């Protein structure tokens, strides 16, 4: 008798759980801003320090970036740490290494860690994301219409992609 009552009470709870679990509503998540120092110590980015150490940007592009990255310029980078794609695991750390070797100050590099390209971020009014990672340049409050995406990366050209983005 007790088992039958428990079973009858459990059916509505199971139905409610099933309805909630199958909901297609997406939870809005805020992107998390990270510093380069945090990237080097964050559990989600354990691959980051090793990849930045092995990459050597070409000096001609580093010089070009240093010349074109003025005080009013910022790099805005969106990345998903759990992605094992080469854009995240290679392009992203190569871009950071290229920027730092060009003397770009850390306060001129905004890095947003995201679960998906639908996460809320502070630049949503000016930047729409279709994929991650994505790298943008902002000058004097205007975001460049060009960006760097995983499709642009051939494994060794992060330095030239950043230099091209700044021209």
Protein backbone atom coordinates (compact mmCIF):
# COMPACT_ATOMS: atom_id res chain seq x y z
CA UNK A 1 0.00 0.00 0.00
CA UNK A 2 2.79 2.42 0.95
CA UNK A 3 4.65 1.55 -2.27
CA UNK A 4 1.57 2.30 -4.38
CA UNK A 5 1.13 5.73 -2.73
CA UNK A 6 4.80 6.54 -3.17
CA UNK A 7 4.57 5.50 -6.83
CA UNK A 8 1.46 7.71 -7.34
CA UNK A 9 3.23 10.66 -5.71
CA UNK A 10 6.35 10.10 -7.79
CA UNK A 11 4.61 10.15 -11.18
CA UNK A 12 3.81 13.92 -11.14
CA UNK A 13 7.33 14.67 -9.91
CA UNK A 14 8.86 12.62 -12.72
CA UNK A 15 6.64 14.28 -15.32
CA UNK A 16 7.60 17.73 -14.02
CA UNK A 17 11.30 16.79 -14.05
CA UNK A 18 11.00 15.51 -17.62
CA UNK A 19 9.32 18.72 -18.79
CA UNK A 20 11.97 20.90 -17.17
CA UNK A 21 14.84 18.75 -18.45
CA UNK A 22 13.54 18.90 -22.02
CA UNK A 23 13.08 22.64 -22.05
CA UNK A 24 14.68 24.34 -25.05
CA UNK A 25 15.10 27.62 -23.21
CA UNK A 26 18.75 28.58 -23.19
CA UNK A 27 20.25 29.83 -19.98
CA UNK A 28 21.85 33.19 -20.55
CA UNK A 29 25.40 33.06 -19.30
CA UNK A 30 27.71 36.01 -18.99
CA UNK A 31 31.14 35.84 -20.60
CA UNK A 32 33.94 35.93 -18.07
CA UNK A 33 36.72 38.46 -18.62
CA UNK A 34 40.20 37.06 -18.01
CA UNK A 35 43.67 38.52 -17.83
CA UNK A 36 46.71 36.90 -19.40
CA UNK A 37 47.97 36.05 -15.90
CA UNK A 38 44.69 34.26 -15.17
CA UNK A 39 44.98 32.32 -18.45
CA UNK A 40 48.35 31.03 -17.31
CA UNK A 41 46.96 29.72 -14.02
CA UNK A 42 43.35 28.78 -14.84
CA UNK A 43 42.41 25.09 -14.80
CA UNK A 44 40.31 25.58 -17.94
CA UNK A 45 43.34 26.82 -19.84
CA UNK A 46 46.02 24.28 -18.81
CA UNK A 47 47.16 24.05 -22.45
CA UNK A 48 47.66 27.84 -22.80
CA UNK A 49 51.13 28.40 -21.24
CA UNK A 50 52.79 25.56 -23.16
CA UNK A 51 51.37 26.71 -26.50
CA UNK A 52 52.43 30.33 -25.99
CA UNK A 53 55.95 29.20 -25.11
CA UNK A 54 56.47 27.09 -28.25
CA UNK A 55 55.19 29.71 -30.70
CA UNK A 56 57.57 32.31 -32.14
CA UNK A 57 55.93 35.09 -34.13
CA UNK A 58 57.90 36.41 -37.08
CA UNK A 59 59.72 39.65 -36.29
CA UNK A 60 58.50 41.55 -39.37
CA UNK A 61 54.89 41.11 -38.23
CA UNK A 62 55.69 41.90 -34.60
CA UNK A 63 57.32 45.17 -35.74
CA UNK A 64 54.33 45.99 -37.99
CA UNK A 65 51.88 45.32 -35.13
CA UNK A 66 53.90 47.44 -32.69
CA UNK A 67 53.82 50.32 -35.17
CA UNK A 68 50.07 50.08 -35.85
CA UNK A 69 48.78 49.25 -32.36
CA UNK A 70 48.34 52.75 -30.96
CA UNK A 71 47.28 53.85 -27.47
CA UNK A 72 43.65 54.04 -28.66
CA UNK A 73 43.65 50.47 -30.04
CA UNK A 74 42.33 47.39 -28.23
CA UNK A 75 42.19 43.72 -29.14
CA UNK A 76 38.92 42.04 -28.14
CA UNK A 77 39.12 38.25 -28.06
CA UNK A 78 36.35 35.73 -27.45
CA UNK A 79 37.28 32.10 -26.73
CA UNK A 80 35.72 28.89 -25.43
CA UNK A 81 38.25 27.08 -23.18
CA UNK A 82 36.66 23.66 -23.48
CA UNK A 83 36.99 23.58 -27.26
CA UNK A 84 39.82 21.39 -28.48
CA UNK A 85 39.78 22.93 -31.98
CA UNK A 86 43.01 24.35 -33.34
CA UNK A 87 41.52 27.85 -33.29
CA UNK A 88 41.26 27.71 -29.53
CA UNK A 89 44.29 25.55 -28.78
CA UNK A 90 46.66 27.20 -31.29
CA UNK A 91 45.35 30.42 -32.87
CA UNK A 92 44.26 32.02 -29.61
CA UNK A 93 47.58 31.53 -27.72
CA UNK A 94 49.53 32.50 -30.84
CA UNK A 95 47.57 35.77 -31.11
CA UNK A 96 48.24 36.54 -27.43
CA UNK A 97 51.96 35.78 -27.82
CA UNK A 98 52.15 37.95 -30.96
CA UNK A 99 50.45 40.87 -29.22
CA UNK A 100 52.62 40.67 -26.11
CA UNK A 101 55.82 40.42 -28.16
CA UNK A 102 54.70 43.52 -30.07
CA UNK A 103 54.58 45.37 -26.75
CA UNK A 104 50.79 45.62 -26.54
CA UNK A 105 49.88 46.39 -22.94
CA UNK A 106 47.70 43.88 -21.12
CA UNK A 107 45.04 46.55 -20.48
CA UNK A 108 44.68 46.83 -24.28
CA UNK A 109 43.77 43.15 -24.61
CA UNK A 110 40.27 42.10 -23.57
CA UNK A 111 39.81 38.33 -23.32
CA UNK A 112 36.36 36.85 -22.76
CA UNK A 113 35.96 33.20 -21.82
CA UNK A 114 32.61 31.90 -23.06
CA UNK A 115 30.61 28.67 -23.03
CA UNK A 116 29.07 29.48 -26.42
CA UNK A 117 28.91 32.32 -28.92
CA UNK A 118 25.46 33.13 -27.46
CA UNK A 119 26.83 34.15 -24.04
CA UNK A 120 26.22 37.74 -23.00
CA UNK A 121 29.27 40.00 -23.30
CA UNK A 122 29.81 43.75 -22.85
CA UNK A 123 30.34 44.38 -26.58
CA UNK A 124 27.10 42.74 -27.76
CA UNK A 125 25.76 46.06 -29.04
CA UNK A 126 28.68 46.25 -31.52
CA UNK A 127 29.94 42.69 -31.95
CA UNK A 128 27.88 39.71 -33.05
CA UNK A 129 29.59 36.35 -32.71
CA UNK A 130 28.99 33.50 -35.12
CA UNK A 131 31.80 31.26 -33.88
CA UNK A 132 34.57 31.02 -31.33
CA UNK A 133 37.36 31.92 -31.09
CA UNK A 134 37.04 35.37 -32.64
CA UNK A 135 39.49 38.28 -32.54
CA UNK A 136 38.47 41.89 -33.18
CA UNK A 137 40.30 45.23 -33.13
CA UNK A 138 38.76 48.40 -31.77
CA UNK A 139 40.16 51.84 -32.57
CA UNK A 140 38.76 55.03 -31.09
CA UNK A 141 35.55 53.23 -30.12
CA UNK A 142 34.97 51.70 -33.56
CA UNK A 143 35.23 47.93 -34.02
CA UNK A 144 36.87 46.86 -37.26
CA UNK A 145 34.52 45.03 -39.63
CA UNK A 146 37.33 42.50 -40.22
CA UNK A 147 38.04 39.80 -37.65
CA UNK A 148 40.15 36.70 -37.22
CA UNK A 149 38.33 33.38 -37.10
CA UNK A 150 39.48 29.77 -36.94
CA UNK A 151 38.89 29.42 -40.71
CA UNK A 152 41.58 32.07 -41.38
CA UNK A 153 44.26 30.17 -39.46
CA UNK A 154 46.62 27.77 -41.27
CA UNK A 155 48.58 26.74 -38.17
CA UNK A 156 51.42 29.24 -38.40
CA UNK A 157 49.96 32.55 -39.59
CA UNK A 158 48.54 34.14 -36.41
CA UNK A 159 51.16 36.89 -36.59
CA UNK A 160 50.27 37.87 -40.16
CA UNK A 161 46.53 37.71 -39.39
CA UNK A 162 46.94 40.16 -36.51
CA UNK A 163 49.12 42.46 -38.64
CA UNK A 164 46.52 42.41 -41.44
CA UNK A 165 43.73 43.16 -38.97
CA UNK A 166 45.55 46.34 -37.91
CA UNK A 167 46.09 47.73 -41.43
